[in-house]
Amino acid sequence: MRLNEVVFNDAKPVEGYGPGFFRIGGQVIHGPVITAQTGTQTWGGLGDTDPLVALAGQTDVIFIGTGAEIAHLPPEMIATLEAAGVGVEAMASPAAARTYNVLLSEGRRVALALLPI
C-alpha cells in the first residue's frame, strides 16, 4: 500500500467537530461556520446568503451541512445562490465536512457552510 501526503494549498480542512463546534485548520469555531480558499469565518445560518453569494466565481460548489441530519434548504436560499451562479449541495454536516475534505485534497474549487450538530 502506498500512502500519499495530502496537500490542501491555502484552504484549511475540517479536522473535527462535536456538539456546537468545528475545528478547521487548528482553530476551534463555535456555531455555524463557512470555510473556503478565501478563509474561515462564522456564519449566520441558512438565512445568511451574502457570504455564500460572495464566493461566486471562486468556487464551483458549496456544500451546506444542515446539522446532524440532512434537511431541505429554504427555497429562497437555493434561488438566491442559483441566480448568483453558485452550485449548492445540502447534506448532513458530518457528510458535508468529509466530502469537502476529499474534494479539497483533489484541488477542487469547493466551499463549505456548516450548521453545528
PDB file of N, CA and C in Angstrom:
ATOM      1  N   MET A   1       0.842  -1.175   0.000  1.00  0.00           N
ATOM      2  CA  MET A   1       0.000   0.000   0.000  1.00  0.00           C
ATOM      3  C   MET A   1       0.885   1.234   0.000  1.00  0.00           C
ATOM      4  N   ARG A   2       0.547   2.193  -0.844  1.00  0.00           N
ATOM      5  CA  ARG A   2       1.307   3.435  -0.930  1.00  0.00           C
ATOM      6  C   ARG A   2       0.494   4.568  -0.311  1.00  0.00           C
ATOM      7  N   LEU A   3       1.111   5.355   0.553  1.00  0.00           N
ATOM      8  CA  LEU A   3       0.444   6.495   1.172  1.00  0.00           C
ATOM      9  C   LEU A   3       0.955   7.776   0.531  1.00  0.00           C
ATOM     10  N   ASN A   4       0.056   8.667   0.247  1.00  0.00           N
ATOM     11  CA  ASN A   4       0.407   9.963  -0.320  1.00  0.00           C
ATOM     12  C   ASN A   4       0.050  11.057   0.669  1.00  0.00           C
ATOM     13  N   GLU A   5       0.919  12.035   0.798  1.00  0.00           N
ATOM     14  CA  GLU A   5       0.626  13.168   1.653  1.00  0.00           C
ATOM     15  C   GLU A   5      -0.407  14.053   0.963  1.00  0.00           C
ATOM     16  N   VAL A   6      -1.404  14.479   1.725  1.00  0.00           N
ATOM     17  CA  VAL A   6      -2.448  15.343   1.190  1.00  0.00           C
ATOM     18  C   VAL A   6      -2.014  16.788   1.370  1.00  0.00           C
ATOM     19  N   VAL A   7      -2.102  17.561   0.284  1.00  0.00           N
ATOM     20  CA  VAL A   7      -1.755  18.975   0.321  1.00  0.00           C
ATOM     21  C   VAL A   7      -3.025  19.773   0.075  1.00  0.00           C
ATOM     22  N   PHE A   8      -3.336  20.707   0.979  1.00  0.00           N
ATOM     23  CA  PHE A   8      -4.568  21.480   0.876  1.00  0.00           C
ATOM     24  C   PHE A   8      -4.349  22.891   0.344  1.00  0.00           C
ATOM     25  N   ASN A   9      -3.132  23.263  -0.031  1.00  0.00           N
ATOM     26  CA  ASN A   9      -2.817  24.612  -0.503  1.00  0.00           C
ATOM     27  C   ASN A   9      -3.251  25.649   0.518  1.00  0.00           C
ATOM     28  N   ASP A  10      -4.010  26.661   0.121  1.00  0.00           N
ATOM     29  CA  ASP A  10      -4.390  27.746   1.025  1.00  0.00           C
ATOM     30  C   ASP A  10      -5.606  27.421   1.891  1.00  0.00           C
ATOM     31  N   ALA A  11      -6.447  26.531   1.436  1.00  0.00           N
ATOM     32  CA  ALA A  11      -7.660  26.209   2.183  1.00  0.00           C
ATOM     33  C   ALA A  11      -7.329  25.316   3.370  1.00  0.00           C
ATOM     34  N   LYS A  12      -8.189  25.353   4.361  1.00  0.00           N
ATOM     35  CA  LYS A  12      -7.998  24.579   5.583  1.00  0.00           C
ATOM     36  C   LYS A  12      -9.032  23.448   5.641  1.00  0.00           C
ATOM     37  N   PRO A  13      -8.606  22.231   5.948  1.00  0.00           N
ATOM     38  CA  PRO A  13      -9.557  21.124   6.061  1.00  0.00           C
ATOM     39  C   PRO A  13     -10.295  21.150   7.403  1.00  0.00           C
ATOM     40  N   VAL A  14     -11.423  20.473   7.436  1.00  0.00           N
ATOM     41  CA  VAL A  14     -12.147  20.270   8.690  1.00  0.00           C
ATOM     42  C   VAL A  14     -11.454  19.116   9.397  1.00  0.00           C
ATOM     43  N   GLU A  15     -10.947  19.397  10.584  1.00  0.00           N
ATOM     44  CA  GLU A  15     -10.190  18.393  11.329  1.00  0.00           C
ATOM     45  C   GLU A  15     -11.033  17.674  12.370  1.00  0.00           C
ATOM     46  N   GLY A  16     -12.142  18.268  12.762  1.00  0.00           N
ATOM     47  CA  GLY A  16     -13.004  17.646  13.753  1.00  0.00           C
ATOM     48  C   GLY A  16     -14.238  18.474  14.017  1.00  0.00           C
ATOM     49  N   TYR A  17     -15.186  17.868  14.709  1.00  0.00           N
ATOM     50  CA  TYR A  17     -16.417  18.565  15.074  1.00  0.00           C
ATOM     51  C   TYR A  17     -17.032  17.854  16.259  1.00  0.00           C
ATOM     52  N   GLY A  18     -17.894  18.552  16.938  1.00  0.00           N
ATOM     53  CA  GLY A  18     -18.604  17.998  18.081  1.00  0.00           C
ATOM     54  C   GLY A  18     -19.823  18.845  18.349  1.00  0.00           C
ATOM     55  N   PRO A  19     -20.487  18.620  19.467  1.00  0.00           N
ATOM     56  CA  PRO A  19     -21.701  19.384  19.758  1.00  0.00           C
ATOM     57  C   PRO A  19     -21.432  20.889  19.794  1.00  0.00           C
ATOM     58  N   GLY A  20     -21.876  21.585  18.766  1.00  0.00           N
ATOM     59  CA  GLY A  20     -21.791  23.045  18.733  1.00  0.00           C
ATOM     60  C   GLY A  20     -20.495  23.636  18.228  1.00  0.00           C
ATOM     61  N   PHE A  21     -19.525  22.816  17.796  1.00  0.00           N
ATOM     62  CA  PHE A  21     -18.247  23.388  17.351  1.00  0.00           C
ATOM     63  C   PHE A  21     -17.646  22.615  16.179  1.00  0.00           C
ATOM     64  N   PHE A  22     -16.704  23.291  15.512  1.00  0.00           N
ATOM     65  CA  PHE A  22     -15.911  22.689  14.431  1.00  0.00           C
ATOM     66  C   PHE A  22     -14.461  23.072  14.655  1.00  0.00           C
ATOM     67  N   ARG A  23     -13.534  22.192  14.293  1.00  0.00           N
ATOM     68  CA  ARG A  23     -12.109  22.533  14.312  1.00  0.00           C
ATOM     69  C   ARG A  23     -11.639  22.527  12.864  1.00  0.00           C
ATOM     70  N   ILE A  24     -11.251  23.704  12.381  1.00  0.00           N
ATOM     71  CA  ILE A  24     -10.844  23.891  10.992  1.00  0.00           C
ATOM     72  C   ILE A  24      -9.468  24.530  10.983  1.00  0.00           C
ATOM     73  N   GLY A  25      -8.518  23.840  10.386  1.00  0.00           N
ATOM     74  CA  GLY A  25      -7.161  24.368  10.313  1.00  0.00           C
ATOM     75  C   GLY A  25      -6.567  24.673  11.669  1.00  0.00           C
ATOM     76  N   GLY A  26      -6.899  23.875  12.682  1.00  0.00           N
ATOM     77  CA  GLY A  26      -6.360  24.082  14.024  1.00  0.00           C
ATOM     78  C   GLY A  26      -7.129  25.072  14.876  1.00  0.00           C
ATOM     79  N   GLN A  27      -8.124  25.726  14.315  1.00  0.00           N
ATOM     80  CA  GLN A  27      -8.901  26.733  15.040  1.00  0.00           C
ATOM     81  C   GLN A  27     -10.268  26.160  15.406  1.00  0.00           C
ATOM     82  N   VAL A  28     -10.671  26.304  16.649  1.00  0.00           N
ATOM     83  CA  VAL A  28     -11.994  25.864  17.085  1.00  0.00           C
ATOM     84  C   VAL A  28     -12.971  27.019  16.918  1.00  0.00           C
ATOM     85  N   ILE A  29     -14.066  26.735  16.231  1.00  0.00           N
ATOM     86  CA  ILE A  29     -15.101  27.743  15.985  1.00  0.00           C
ATOM     87  C   ILE A  29     -16.416  27.201  16.501  1.00  0.00           C
ATOM     88  N   HIS A  30     -17.083  27.983  17.337  1.00  0.00           N
ATOM     89  CA  HIS A  30     -18.375  27.586  17.883  1.00  0.00           C
ATOM     90  C   HIS A  30     -19.486  28.171  17.026  1.00  0.00           C
ATOM     91  N   GLY A  31     -20.487  27.373  16.725  1.00  0.00           N
ATOM     92  CA  GLY A  31     -21.618  27.821  15.934  1.00  0.00           C
ATOM     93  C   GLY A  31     -21.413  27.596  14.454  1.00  0.00           C
ATOM     94  N   PRO A  32     -22.329  28.099  13.639  1.00  0.00           N
ATOM     95  CA  PRO A  32     -22.237  27.924  12.184  1.00  0.00           C
ATOM     96  C   PRO A  32     -20.969  28.563  11.625  1.00  0.00           C
ATOM     97  N   VAL A  33     -20.428  27.964  10.560  1.00  0.00           N
ATOM     98  CA  VAL A  33     -19.147  28.401  10.001  1.00  0.00           C
ATOM     99  C   VAL A  33     -19.138  28.216   8.487  1.00  0.00           C
ATOM    100  N   ILE A  34     -18.356  29.071   7.824  1.00  0.00           N
ATOM    101  CA  ILE A  34     -18.085  28.942   6.388  1.00  0.00           C
ATOM    102  C   ILE A  34     -16.580  28.834   6.230  1.00  0.00           C
ATOM    103  N   THR A  35     -16.150  27.921   5.373  1.00  0.00           N
ATOM    104  CA  THR A  35     -14.732  27.849   5.046  1.00  0.00           C
ATOM    105  C   THR A  35     -14.567  27.606   3.551  1.00  0.00           C
ATOM    106  N   ALA A  36     -13.539  28.256   2.997  1.00  0.00           N
ATOM    107  CA  ALA A  36     -13.246  28.170   1.565  1.00  0.00           C
ATOM    108  C   ALA A  36     -11.785  28.563   1.368  1.00  0.00           C
ATOM    109  N   GLN A  37     -11.361  28.648   0.125  1.00  0.00           N
ATOM    110  CA  GLN A  37      -9.988  29.077  -0.193  1.00  0.00           C
ATOM    111  C   GLN A  37      -9.700  30.454   0.390  1.00  0.00           C
ATOM    112  N   THR A  38     -10.727  31.286   0.502  1.00  0.00           N
ATOM    113  CA  THR A  38     -10.551  32.660   0.966  1.00  0.00           C
ATOM    114  C   THR A  38     -10.430  32.774   2.481  1.00  0.00           C
ATOM    115  N   GLY A  39     -10.718  31.692   3.213  1.00  0.00           N
ATOM    116  CA  GLY A  39     -10.599  31.723   4.663  1.00  0.00           C
ATOM    117  C   GLY A  39     -11.797  31.117   5.358  1.00  0.00           C
ATOM    118  N   THR A  40     -11.784  31.205   6.670  1.00  0.00           N
ATOM    119  CA  THR A  40     -12.833  30.639   7.515  1.00  0.00           C
ATOM    120  C   THR A  40     -13.443  31.754   8.348  1.00  0.00           C
ATOM    121  N   GLN A  41     -14.774  31.739   8.466  1.00  0.00           N
ATOM    122  CA  GLN A  41     -15.464  32.766   9.235  1.00  0.00           C
ATOM    123  C   GLN A  41     -16.739  32.203   9.836  1.00  0.00           C
ATOM    124  N   THR A  42     -17.247  32.861  10.861  1.00  0.00           N
ATOM    125  CA  THR A  42     -18.531  32.461  11.416  1.00  0.00           C
ATOM    126  C   THR A  42     -19.613  32.803  10.392  1.00  0.00           C
ATOM    127  N   TRP A  43     -20.762  32.176  10.561  1.00  0.00           N
ATOM    128  CA  TRP A  43     -21.845  32.308   9.586  1.00  0.00           C
ATOM    129  C   TRP A  43     -23.155  32.481  10.326  1.00  0.00           C
ATOM    130  N   GLY A  44     -24.073  33.229   9.756  1.00  0.00           N
ATOM    131  CA  GLY A  44     -25.368  33.484  10.377  1.00  0.00           C
ATOM    132  C   GLY A  44     -26.396  32.397  10.166  1.00  0.00           C
ATOM    133  N   GLY A  45     -26.067  31.325   9.468  1.00  0.00           N
ATOM    134  CA  GLY A  45     -27.006  30.237   9.239  1.00  0.00           C
ATOM    135  C   GLY A  45     -27.694  30.327   7.892  1.00  0.00           C
ATOM    136  N   LEU A  46     -28.728  29.522   7.712  1.00  0.00           N
ATOM    137  CA  LEU A  46     -29.366  29.369   6.398  1.00  0.00           C
ATOM    138  C   LEU A  46     -29.944  30.665   5.838  1.00  0.00           C
ATOM    139  N   GLY A  47     -30.297  31.614   6.666  1.00  0.00           N
ATOM    140  CA  GLY A  47     -30.834  32.883   6.172  1.00  0.00           C
ATOM    141  C   GLY A  47     -29.765  33.871   5.744  1.00  0.00           C
ATOM    142  N   ASP A  48     -28.511  33.559   6.009  1.00  0.00           N
ATOM    143  CA  ASP A  48     -27.386  34.458   5.712  1.00  0.00           C
ATOM    144  C   ASP A  48     -26.713  34.033   4.410  1.00  0.00           C
ATOM    145  N   THR A  49     -27.249  34.508   3.289  1.00  0.00           N
ATOM    146  CA  THR A  49     -26.724  34.080   1.986  1.00  0.00           C
ATOM    147  C   THR A  49     -25.618  34.985   1.440  1.00  0.00           C
ATOM    148  N   ASP A  50     -25.462  36.197   1.979  1.00  0.00           N
ATOM    149  CA  ASP A  50     -24.470  37.131   1.430  1.00  0.00           C
ATOM    150  C   ASP A  50     -23.053  36.558   1.379  1.00  0.00           C
ATOM    151  N   PRO A  51     -22.549  35.923   2.457  1.00  0.00           N
ATOM    152  CA  PRO A  51     -21.188  35.388   2.355  1.00  0.00           C
ATOM    153  C   PRO A  51     -21.075  34.228   1.366  1.00  0.00           C
ATOM    154  N   LEU A  52     -22.172  33.532   1.134  1.00  0.00           N
ATOM    155  CA  LEU A  52     -22.160  32.441   0.158  1.00  0.00           C
ATOM    156  C   LEU A  52     -22.163  32.991  -1.264  1.00  0.00           C
ATOM    157  N   VAL A  53     -22.964  34.012  -1.499  1.00  0.00           N
ATOM    158  CA  VAL A  53     -23.001  34.654  -2.816  1.00  0.00           C
ATOM    159  C   VAL A  53     -21.643  35.274  -3.132  1.00  0.00           C
ATOM    160  N   ALA A  54     -20.946  35.765  -2.122  1.00  0.00           N
ATOM    161  CA  ALA A  54     -19.620  36.365  -2.324  1.00  0.00           C
ATOM    162  C   ALA A  54     -18.607  35.357  -2.860  1.00  0.00           C
ATOM    163  N   LEU A  55     -18.897  34.072  -2.732  1.00  0.00           N
ATOM    164  CA  LEU A  55     -17.995  33.038  -3.228  1.00  0.00           C
ATOM    165  C   LEU A  55     -18.216  32.714  -4.708  1.00  0.00           C
ATOM    166  N   ALA A  56     -19.213  33.351  -5.327  1.00  0.00           N
ATOM    167  CA  ALA A  56     -19.469  33.131  -6.755  1.00  0.00           C
ATOM    168  C   ALA A  56     -18.219  33.467  -7.566  1.00  0.00           C
ATOM    169  N   GLY A  57     -17.898  32.596  -8.492  1.00  0.00           N
ATOM    170  CA  GLY A  57     -16.725  32.793  -9.334  1.00  0.00           C
ATOM    171  C   GLY A  57     -15.449  32.241  -8.728  1.00  0.00           C
ATOM    172  N   GLN A  58     -15.465  31.974  -7.422  1.00  0.00           N
ATOM    173  CA  GLN A  58     -14.291  31.432  -6.741  1.00  0.00           C
ATOM    174  C   GLN A  58     -14.447  29.947  -6.422  1.00  0.00           C
ATOM    175  N   THR A  59     -15.668  29.463  -6.497  1.00  0.00           N
ATOM    176  CA  THR A  59     -15.949  28.082  -6.144  1.00  0.00           C
ATOM    177  C   THR A  59     -16.954  27.486  -7.110  1.00  0.00           C
ATOM    178  N   ASP A  60     -16.858  26.190  -7.316  1.00  0.00           N
ATOM    179  CA  ASP A  60     -17.792  25.509  -8.210  1.00  0.00           C
ATOM    180  C   ASP A  60     -19.018  24.991  -7.469  1.00  0.00           C
ATOM    181  N   VAL A  61     -18.825  24.623  -6.206  1.00  0.00           N
ATOM    182  CA  VAL A  61     -19.945  24.120  -5.405  1.00  0.00           C
ATOM    183  C   VAL A  61     -19.691  24.429  -3.937  1.00  0.00           C
ATOM    184  N   ILE A  62     -20.785  24.738  -3.251  1.00  0.00           N
ATOM    185  CA  ILE A  62     -20.744  24.933  -1.803  1.00  0.00           C
ATOM    186  C   ILE A  62     -21.532  23.791  -1.178  1.00  0.00           C
ATOM    187  N   PHE A  63     -20.882  23.049  -0.299  1.00  0.00           N
ATOM    188  CA  PHE A  63     -21.566  22.013   0.456  1.00  0.00           C
ATOM    189  C   PHE A  63     -22.140  22.664   1.705  1.00  0.00           C
ATOM    190  N   ILE A  64     -23.426  22.458   1.921  1.00  0.00           N
ATOM    191  CA  ILE A  64     -24.076  23.042   3.079  1.00  0.00           C
ATOM    192  C   ILE A  64     -24.481  21.921   4.014  1.00  0.00           C
ATOM    193  N   GLY A  65     -23.853  21.919   5.179  1.00  0.00           N
ATOM    194  CA  GLY A  65     -24.172  20.937   6.213  1.00  0.00           C
ATOM    195  C   GLY A  65     -25.329  21.441   7.046  1.00  0.00           C
ATOM    196  N   THR A  66     -26.401  20.662   7.095  1.00  0.00           N
ATOM    197  CA  THR A  66     -27.630  21.102   7.741  1.00  0.00           C
ATOM    198  C   THR A  66     -27.763  20.611   9.184  1.00  0.00           C
ATOM    199  N   GLY A  67     -26.664  20.223   9.796  1.00  0.00           N
ATOM    200  CA  GLY A  67     -26.694  19.739  11.173  1.00  0.00           C
ATOM    201  C   GLY A  67     -26.523  18.232  11.220  1.00  0.00           C
ATOM    202  N   ALA A  68     -27.052  17.624  12.261  1.00  0.00           N
ATOM    203  CA  ALA A  68     -26.881  16.182  12.456  1.00  0.00           C
ATOM    204  C   ALA A  68     -27.609  15.363  11.390  1.00  0.00           C
ATOM    205  N   GLU A  69     -28.690  15.889  10.866  1.00  0.00           N
ATOM    206  CA  GLU A  69     -29.488  15.193   9.846  1.00  0.00           C
ATOM    207  C   GLU A  69     -29.601  16.055   8.602  1.00  0.00           C
ATOM    208  N   ILE A  70     -29.774  15.411   7.460  1.00  0.00           N
ATOM    209  CA  ILE A  70     -29.981  16.163   6.231  1.00  0.00           C
ATOM    210  C   ILE A  70     -31.355  16.837   6.290  1.00  0.00           C
ATOM    211  N   ALA A  71     -31.434  18.037   5.767  1.00  0.00           N
ATOM    212  CA  ALA A  71     -32.695  18.787   5.731  1.00  0.00           C
ATOM    213  C   ALA A  71     -32.755  19.561   4.422  1.00  0.00           C
ATOM    214  N   HIS A  72     -33.950  19.904   4.015  1.00  0.00           N
ATOM    215  CA  HIS A  72     -34.126  20.710   2.811  1.00  0.00           C
ATOM    216  C   HIS A  72     -33.672  22.140   3.082  1.00  0.00           C
ATOM    217  N   LEU A  73     -33.025  22.732   2.098  1.00  0.00           N
ATOM    218  CA  LEU A  73     -32.650  24.143   2.195  1.00  0.00           C
ATOM    219  C   LEU A  73     -33.861  24.994   1.879  1.00  0.00           C
ATOM    220  N   PRO A  74     -33.942  26.186   2.459  1.00  0.00           N
ATOM    221  CA  PRO A  74     -35.062  27.080   2.134  1.00  0.00           C
ATOM    222  C   PRO A  74     -35.054  27.412   0.635  1.00  0.00           C
ATOM    223  N   PRO A  75     -36.231  27.393  -0.005  1.00  0.00           N
ATOM    224  CA  PRO A  75     -36.297  27.676  -1.441  1.00  0.00           C
ATOM    225  C   PRO A  75     -35.694  29.036  -1.814  1.00  0.00           C
ATOM    226  N   GLU A  76     -35.866  30.047  -0.930  1.00  0.00           N
ATOM    227  CA  GLU A  76     -35.304  31.374  -1.223  1.00  0.00           C
ATOM    228  C   GLU A  76     -33.778  31.311  -1.272  1.00  0.00           C
ATOM    229  N   MET A  77     -33.205  30.512  -0.411  1.00  0.00           N
ATOM    230  CA  MET A  77     -31.746  30.367  -0.377  1.00  0.00           C
ATOM    231  C   MET A  77     -31.240  29.731  -1.670  1.00  0.00           C
ATOM    232  N   ILE A  78     -31.888  28.671  -2.087  1.00  0.00           N
ATOM    233  CA  ILE A  78     -31.488  27.997  -3.325  1.00  0.00           C
ATOM    234  C   ILE A  78     -31.620  28.946  -4.507  1.00  0.00           C
ATOM    235  N   ALA A  79     -32.726  29.681  -4.582  1.00  0.00           N
ATOM    236  CA  ALA A  79     -32.945  30.611  -5.694  1.00  0.00           C
ATOM    237  C   ALA A  79     -31.881  31.700  -5.713  1.00  0.00           C
ATOM    238  N   THR A  80     -31.541  32.254  -4.555  1.00  0.00           N
ATOM    239  CA  THR A  80     -30.522  33.310  -4.467  1.00  0.00           C
ATOM    240  C   THR A  80     -29.168  32.799  -4.935  1.00  0.00           C
ATOM    241  N   LEU A  81     -28.783  31.618  -4.476  1.00  0.00           N
ATOM    242  CA  LEU A  81     -27.475  31.066  -4.844  1.00  0.00           C
ATOM    243  C   LEU A  81     -27.417  30.680  -6.323  1.00  0.00           C
ATOM    244  N   GLU A  82     -28.489  30.089  -6.829  1.00  0.00           N
ATOM    245  CA  GLU A  82     -28.512  29.726  -8.247  1.00  0.00           C
ATOM    246  C   GLU A  82     -28.464  30.973  -9.133  1.00  0.00           C
ATOM    247  N   ALA A  83     -29.162  32.033  -8.734  1.00  0.00           N
ATOM    248  CA  ALA A  83     -29.139  33.276  -9.505  1.00  0.00           C
ATOM    249  C   ALA A  83     -27.739  33.878  -9.554  1.00  0.00           C
ATOM    250  N   ALA A  84     -26.949  33.638  -8.504  1.00  0.00           N
ATOM    251  CA  ALA A  84     -25.569  34.140  -8.454  1.00  0.00           C
ATOM    252  C   ALA A  84     -24.597  33.202  -9.158  1.00  0.00           C
ATOM    253  N   GLY A  85     -25.102  32.058  -9.637  1.00  0.00           N
ATOM    254  CA  GLY A  85     -24.241  31.099 -10.320  1.00  0.00           C
ATOM    255  C   GLY A  85     -23.450  30.203  -9.390  1.00  0.00           C
ATOM    256  N   VAL A  86     -23.953  30.029  -8.173  1.00  0.00           N
ATOM    257  CA  VAL A  86     -23.270  29.204  -7.179  1.00  0.00           C
ATOM    258  C   VAL A  86     -23.975  27.853  -7.085  1.00  0.00           C
ATOM    259  N   GLY A  87     -23.234  26.776  -7.303  1.00  0.00           N
ATOM    260  CA  GLY A  87     -23.783  25.440  -7.125  1.00  0.00           C
ATOM    261  C   GLY A  87     -23.845  25.114  -5.653  1.00  0.00           C
ATOM    262  N   VAL A  88     -24.872  24.390  -5.243  1.00  0.00           N
ATOM    263  CA  VAL A  88     -25.062  24.094  -3.821  1.00  0.00           C
ATOM    264  C   VAL A  88     -25.536  22.658  -3.650  1.00  0.00           C
ATOM    265  N   GLU A  89     -25.006  21.987  -2.639  1.00  0.00           N
ATOM    266  CA  GLU A  89     -25.410  20.625  -2.279  1.00  0.00           C
ATOM    267  C   GLU A  89     -25.655  20.582  -0.788  1.00  0.00           C
ATOM    268  N   ALA A  90     -26.828  20.145  -0.379  1.00  0.00           N
ATOM    269  CA  ALA A  90     -27.156  20.029   1.047  1.00  0.00           C
ATOM    270  C   ALA A  90     -26.968  18.592   1.499  1.00  0.00           C
ATOM    271  N   MET A  91     -26.404  18.442   2.686  1.00  0.00           N
ATOM    272  CA  MET A  91     -26.248  17.130   3.319  1.00  0.00           C
ATOM    273  C   MET A  91     -26.042  17.336   4.804  1.00  0.00           C
ATOM    274  N   ALA A  92     -26.042  16.274   5.563  1.00  0.00           N
ATOM    275  CA  ALA A  92     -25.767  16.382   6.992  1.00  0.00           C
ATOM    276  C   ALA A  92     -24.353  16.949   7.170  1.00  0.00           C
ATOM    277  N   SER A  93     -24.135  17.694   8.235  1.00  0.00           N
ATOM    278  CA  SER A  93     -22.838  18.358   8.435  1.00  0.00           C
ATOM    279  C   SER A  93     -21.649  17.394   8.448  1.00  0.00           C
ATOM    280  N   PRO A  94     -21.722  16.224   9.117  1.00  0.00           N
ATOM    281  CA  PRO A  94     -20.567  15.322   9.060  1.00  0.00           C
ATOM    282  C   PRO A  94     -20.235  14.873   7.631  1.00  0.00           C
ATOM    283  N   ALA A  95     -21.255  14.550   6.848  1.00  0.00           N
ATOM    284  CA  ALA A  95     -21.027  14.132   5.463  1.00  0.00           C
ATOM    285  C   ALA A  95     -20.493  15.287   4.625  1.00  0.00           C
ATOM    286  N   ALA A  96     -21.007  16.489   4.854  1.00  0.00           N
ATOM    287  CA  ALA A  96     -20.543  17.662   4.112  1.00  0.00           C
ATOM    288  C   ALA A  96     -19.067  17.928   4.394  1.00  0.00           C
ATOM    289  N   ALA A  97     -18.666  17.805   5.665  1.00  0.00           N
ATOM    290  CA  ALA A  97     -17.265  18.033   6.038  1.00  0.00           C
ATOM    291  C   ALA A  97     -16.353  17.002   5.380  1.00  0.00           C
ATOM    292  N   ARG A  98     -16.755  15.743   5.384  1.00  0.00           N
ATOM    293  CA  ARG A  98     -15.939  14.695   4.752  1.00  0.00           C
ATOM    294  C   ARG A  98     -15.824  14.916   3.249  1.00  0.00           C
ATOM    295  N   THR A  99     -16.943  15.229   2.608  1.00  0.00           N
ATOM    296  CA  THR A  99     -16.945  15.446   1.159  1.00  0.00           C
ATOM    297  C   THR A  99     -16.073  16.641   0.796  1.00  0.00           C
ATOM    298  N   TYR A 100     -16.194  17.708   1.557  1.00  0.00           N
ATOM    299  CA  TYR A 100     -15.367  18.900   1.345  1.00  0.00           C
ATOM    300  C   TYR A 100     -13.886  18.549   1.445  1.00  0.00           C
ATOM    301  N   ASN A 101     -13.494  17.828   2.489  1.00  0.00           N
ATOM    302  CA  ASN A 101     -12.087  17.477   2.666  1.00  0.00           C
ATOM    303  C   ASN A 101     -11.552  16.656   1.497  1.00  0.00           C
ATOM    304  N   VAL A 102     -12.324  15.696   1.023  1.00  0.00           N
ATOM    305  CA  VAL A 102     -11.874  14.855  -0.094  1.00  0.00           C
ATOM    306  C   VAL A 102     -11.682  15.693  -1.348  1.00  0.00           C
ATOM    307  N   LEU A 103     -12.675  16.497  -1.697  1.00  0.00           N
ATOM    308  CA  LEU A 103     -12.578  17.303  -2.918  1.00  0.00           C
ATOM    309  C   LEU A 103     -11.515  18.388  -2.785  1.00  0.00           C
ATOM    310  N   LEU A 104     -11.350  18.928  -1.595  1.00  0.00           N
ATOM    311  CA  LEU A 104     -10.308  19.917  -1.349  1.00  0.00           C
ATOM    312  C   LEU A 104      -8.931  19.297  -1.572  1.00  0.00           C
ATOM    313  N   SER A 105      -8.748  18.068  -1.118  1.00  0.00           N
ATOM    314  CA  SER A 105      -7.462  17.395  -1.291  1.00  0.00           C
ATOM    315  C   SER A 105      -7.163  17.111  -2.760  1.00  0.00           C
ATOM    316  N   GLU A 106      -8.193  17.090  -3.593  1.00  0.00           N
ATOM    317  CA  GLU A 106      -8.021  16.892  -5.035  1.00  0.00           C
ATOM    318  C   GLU A 106      -7.778  18.214  -5.763  1.00  0.00           C
ATOM    319  N   GLY A 107      -7.761  19.305  -5.010  1.00  0.00           N
ATOM    320  CA  GLY A 107      -7.533  20.614  -5.622  1.00  0.00           C
ATOM    321  C   GLY A 107      -8.769  21.232  -6.237  1.00  0.00           C
ATOM    322  N   ARG A 108      -9.935  20.745  -5.900  1.00  0.00           N
ATOM    323  CA  ARG A 108     -11.183  21.261  -6.463  1.00  0.00           C
ATOM    324  C   ARG A 108     -11.564  22.583  -5.815  1.00  0.00           C
ATOM    325  N   ARG A 109     -12.337  23.385  -6.538  1.00  0.00           N
ATOM    326  CA  ARG A 109     -12.794  24.690  -6.045  1.00  0.00           C
ATOM    327  C   ARG A 109     -14.101  24.498  -5.280  1.00  0.00           C
ATOM    328  N   VAL A 110     -13.988  24.191  -3.997  1.00  0.00           N
ATOM    329  CA  VAL A 110     -15.160  23.913  -3.171  1.00  0.00           C
ATOM    330  C   VAL A 110     -15.166  24.814  -1.947  1.00  0.00           C
ATOM    331  N   ALA A 111     -16.354  24.970  -1.383  1.00  0.00           N
ATOM    332  CA  ALA A 111     -16.515  25.730  -0.145  1.00  0.00           C
ATOM    333  C   ALA A 111     -17.475  24.938   0.734  1.00  0.00           C
ATOM    334  N   LEU A 112     -17.542  25.332   1.995  1.00  0.00           N
ATOM    335  CA  LEU A 112     -18.315  24.594   2.961  1.00  0.00           C
ATOM    336  C   LEU A 112     -18.997  25.551   3.926  1.00  0.00           C
ATOM    337  N   ALA A 113     -20.289  25.354   4.140  1.00  0.00           N
ATOM    338  CA  ALA A 113     -21.045  26.105   5.144  1.00  0.00           C
ATOM    339  C   ALA A 113     -21.705  25.063   6.047  1.00  0.00           C
ATOM    340  N   LEU A 114     -21.429  25.163   7.340  1.00  0.00           N
ATOM    341  CA  LEU A 114     -21.882  24.129   8.272  1.00  0.00           C
ATOM    342  C   LEU A 114     -22.725  24.677   9.410  1.00  0.00           C
ATOM    343  N   LEU A 115     -23.814  23.983   9.689  1.00  0.00           N
ATOM    344  CA  LEU A 115     -24.556  24.196  10.923  1.00  0.00           C
ATOM    345  C   LEU A 115     -24.071  23.138  11.906  1.00  0.00           C
ATOM    346  N   PRO A 116     -23.928  23.487  13.184  1.00  0.00           N
ATOM    347  CA  PRO A 116     -23.414  22.515  14.150  1.00  0.00           C
ATOM    348  C   PRO A 116     -24.339  21.323  14.356  1.00  0.00           C
ATOM    349  N   ILE A 117     -23.735  20.247  14.835  1.00  0.00           N
ATOM    350  CA  ILE A 117     -24.525  19.052  15.158  1.00  0.00           C
ATOM    351  C   ILE A 117     -24.969  19.121  16.609  1.00  0.00           C
TER     352      ILE A 117
END
